[in-house]
Structure formats: structure tokens, C-alpha cells
Amino acid sequence: MKREIFHSRGVLFKNTPLQILIVLSVVALISNINAIVDSVLHPDIPYLDEEHLIVGGITGLVSAILFGMAIVYARHLEQALTRIRTLESFLPICANCKKIRVSDSNETQKESWTSIESYISERTDTKFSHGICPDCVKELYPEYGKEKEIRDKVAPNQ
């Protein structure tokens, strides 16, 4: 059974004319709300009164800034989710050397293999440091492993 992972992006995260029209319409409505309410509750006050223009301009400016910040933040979150989805997907990894198969955009070369450190470093801000686990020390350096065992038996809490 093949598992499919969809990386669709919503309408909010694209620059579409519809998105721009909706944001401009909402900003225009918000900036005119004071004048609209006054025209209903106080019909004797003119719609384009100086107070309505000042309050509407400030309200429109603030709402446009807030909408812009919300859209930038939502796009930032979408990029982070895309990065997480990429890292959570199945990775074809060599059972022996632990290199990861990466599909290239170049059609002449169908795939290439890269180290797991390179793969993760290119896609995240992770930095690697290398060490040797105790099992590998015993396997690769048996004389050091025996010396360490003797030291641990003599002074276990140092």
C-alpha cells in the first residue's frame, strides 16, 4: 500500500487577485465603519466629515498593517510546516552507509546519494558534532574499551 503525502497550499498563502481584493475590501469596510455607524445613528452628520476621514484613515492604516503582519506570519508558518513535512516524510536510506537518496531536478541524473548530515544540514539549522558511542568504542578500539571498563570498576563515580 503506497502512502501519499500531499503538500497542498491553501488560498491564504498564495498571491491571488482574490486574496488582494478580499483584504482591500475588509480594510475599506473597517476604515469606513465609523462613518457608516454615524450615518445610521446620526443622519444629520455628513458622511465625509473631517472626523470620519481622520478616524477612518487611522483605522484603515492600522488594519492594513495588522493584515499585512498576519499574512507574513501565516506564510512563515506555512514555510515551517513545509519544512517539517519534508523532514517527516519517508527517506530512502542506505542500510549500510546510511546515505540518503535524493531526487535531483536535473533530468540527466535521476538520483544521487548524500550523507545524512548533509541532508539535514541543508534543510534545517542543525549542526552536527561527532563522537563514538560505547558499543562502537568496544568494536573499533577494543583495547581502549577494556581499559575504560577497568577504570570504571576501580573508580565508578569519578
Protein backbone atom coordinates (compact mmCIF):
# COMPACT_ATOMS: atom_id res chain seq x y z
CA MET A 1 0.00 0.00 0.00
CA LYS A 2 1.56 3.26 -1.12
CA ARG A 3 1.23 6.20 1.24
CA GLU A 4 0.77 9.56 -0.44
CA ILE A 5 1.76 12.80 1.19
CA PHE A 6 0.07 15.92 -0.10
CA HIS A 7 1.85 19.26 0.06
CA SER A 8 -1.03 21.47 -0.98
CA ARG A 9 -1.02 25.13 -0.11
CA GLY A 10 -4.18 26.97 0.77
CA VAL A 11 -5.50 30.10 -0.91
CA LEU A 12 -4.28 32.21 2.04
CA PHE A 13 -0.65 31.51 1.23
CA LYS A 14 -0.73 32.44 -2.46
CA ASN A 15 -0.69 35.88 -4.01
CA THR A 16 -4.02 35.73 -5.77
CA PRO A 17 -6.12 38.62 -7.03
CA LEU A 18 -8.98 37.24 -4.92
CA GLN A 19 -6.87 37.46 -1.76
CA ILE A 20 -5.85 41.04 -2.54
CA LEU A 21 -9.46 42.01 -3.29
CA ILE A 22 -10.71 40.48 -0.02
CA VAL A 23 -8.03 42.20 2.08
CA LEU A 24 -8.64 45.58 0.43
CA SER A 25 -12.42 45.20 0.84
CA VAL A 26 -12.11 44.37 4.53
CA VAL A 27 -9.69 47.27 5.12
CA ALA A 28 -12.07 49.65 3.29
CA LEU A 29 -15.01 48.39 5.36
CA ILE A 30 -13.08 48.73 8.62
CA SER A 31 -11.91 52.25 7.76
CA ASN A 32 -15.48 53.34 6.93
CA ILE A 33 -17.24 51.64 9.85
CA ASN A 34 -17.29 54.85 11.95
CA ALA A 35 -18.89 56.83 9.12
CA ILE A 36 -21.39 54.04 8.37
CA VAL A 37 -22.49 53.80 12.02
CA ASP A 38 -22.79 57.60 12.29
CA SER A 39 -24.85 57.78 9.08
CA VAL A 40 -27.33 55.28 10.55
CA LEU A 41 -27.46 56.63 14.11
CA HIS A 42 -26.90 60.35 13.32
CA PRO A 43 -28.12 61.12 9.78
CA ASP A 44 -27.54 64.84 10.32
CA ILE A 45 -23.71 64.35 10.36
CA PRO A 46 -22.28 64.30 6.80
CA TYR A 47 -20.64 61.06 5.65
CA LEU A 48 -17.36 62.71 4.61
CA ASP A 49 -16.99 64.70 7.85
CA GLU A 50 -13.43 65.64 8.85
CA GLU A 51 -13.63 63.42 11.94
CA HIS A 52 -14.74 60.44 9.82
CA LEU A 53 -11.83 60.98 7.43
CA ILE A 54 -9.25 61.14 10.25
CA VAL A 55 -10.65 58.20 12.22
CA GLY A 56 -11.20 56.18 9.04
CA GLY A 57 -7.70 56.87 7.77
CA ILE A 58 -6.04 55.85 11.03
CA THR A 59 -8.27 52.78 11.38
CA GLY A 60 -7.60 51.75 7.78
CA LEU A 61 -3.85 52.20 8.18
CA VAL A 62 -3.72 50.18 11.40
CA SER A 63 -5.90 47.41 9.98
CA ALA A 64 -3.81 47.24 6.78
CA ILE A 65 -0.63 46.90 8.87
CA LEU A 66 -2.21 44.21 11.03
CA PHE A 67 -3.48 42.27 7.99
CA GLY A 68 -0.04 42.52 6.41
CA MET A 69 1.63 41.23 9.55
CA ALA A 70 -0.88 38.37 9.80
CA ILE A 71 -0.28 37.35 6.18
CA VAL A 72 3.51 37.45 6.59
CA TYR A 73 3.25 35.39 9.78
CA ALA A 74 0.92 32.87 8.12
CA ARG A 75 3.34 32.48 5.20
CA HIS A 76 6.21 31.97 7.64
CA LEU A 77 4.20 29.25 9.38
CA GLU A 78 3.40 27.61 6.04
CA GLN A 79 7.11 27.52 5.16
CA ALA A 80 7.87 25.94 8.53
CA LEU A 81 5.13 23.34 8.00
CA THR A 82 6.50 22.54 4.55
CA ARG A 83 9.96 22.03 6.06
CA ILE A 84 8.51 19.79 8.77
CA ARG A 85 6.54 17.77 6.21
CA THR A 86 9.72 17.28 4.19
CA LEU A 87 11.65 16.07 7.22
CA GLU A 88 8.80 13.81 8.38
CA SER A 89 8.38 12.09 5.03
CA PHE A 90 9.87 8.68 4.32
CA LEU A 91 13.55 8.90 3.49
CA PRO A 92 15.21 6.25 1.33
CA ILE A 93 18.36 5.49 3.31
CA CYS A 94 21.16 3.01 2.59
CA ALA A 95 21.13 0.16 5.10
CA ASN A 96 24.91 0.02 5.12
CA CYS A 97 26.41 3.52 4.88
CA LYS A 98 23.31 5.49 5.98
CA LYS A 99 23.39 7.86 2.99
CA ILE A 100 20.06 9.28 1.82
CA ARG A 101 18.84 9.05 -1.77
CA VAL A 102 17.88 12.49 -3.06
CA SER A 103 15.98 13.02 -6.28
CA ASP A 104 17.58 15.78 -8.33
CA SER A 105 15.77 18.27 -10.50
CA ASN A 106 18.33 17.54 -13.22
CA GLU A 107 16.81 15.08 -15.68
CA THR A 108 20.16 13.66 -16.81
CA GLN A 109 20.97 12.46 -13.31
CA LYS A 110 17.95 10.65 -11.86
CA GLU A 111 19.13 10.44 -8.25
CA SER A 112 22.12 10.96 -6.05
CA TRP A 113 23.17 9.88 -2.59
CA THR A 114 24.20 12.26 0.17
CA SER A 115 25.22 11.82 3.78
CA ILE A 116 22.53 12.16 6.41
CA GLU A 117 24.47 15.05 7.96
CA SER A 118 24.49 16.97 4.66
CA TYR A 119 20.81 16.25 4.04
CA ILE A 120 19.69 17.53 7.44
CA SER A 121 22.13 20.47 7.50
CA GLU A 122 20.89 21.72 4.11
CA ARG A 123 17.26 21.63 5.21
CA THR A 124 17.50 22.79 8.83
CA ASP A 125 19.70 24.87 11.07
CA THR A 126 21.05 21.73 12.76
CA LYS A 127 24.79 21.47 13.23
CA PHE A 128 26.46 18.11 13.87
CA SER A 129 29.25 17.08 16.17
CA HIS A 130 30.63 13.57 16.04
CA GLY A 131 31.53 11.18 18.78
CA ILE A 132 31.72 7.43 19.26
CA CYS A 133 29.12 5.52 21.23
CA PRO A 134 30.30 2.96 23.83
CA ASP A 135 29.33 -0.01 21.65
CA CYS A 136 31.41 1.28 18.72
CA VAL A 137 34.35 2.03 21.03
CA LYS A 138 34.33 -1.62 22.09
CA GLU A 139 34.12 -2.74 18.47
CA LEU A 140 36.60 -0.31 16.90
CA TYR A 141 39.02 0.16 19.81
CA PRO A 142 38.80 -2.98 21.95
CA GLU A 143 41.98 -2.14 23.89
CA TYR A 144 40.57 1.27 24.92
CA GLY A 145 37.22 -0.29 25.80
CA LYS A 146 38.92 -2.78 28.16
CA GLU A 147 40.98 -0.02 29.81
CA LYS A 148 37.84 2.06 30.36
CA GLU A 149 35.98 -0.90 31.87
CA ILE A 150 38.86 -1.47 34.29
CA ARG A 151 38.89 2.24 35.25
CA ASP A 152 35.12 2.24 35.72
CA LYS A 153 35.33 -0.80 38.04
CA VAL A 154 38.08 0.79 40.11
CA ALA A 155 36.51 4.27 40.37
CA PRO A 156 32.85 4.08 39.20
CA ASN A 157 31.76 7.57 40.34
CA GLN A 158 34.64 9.73 39.10
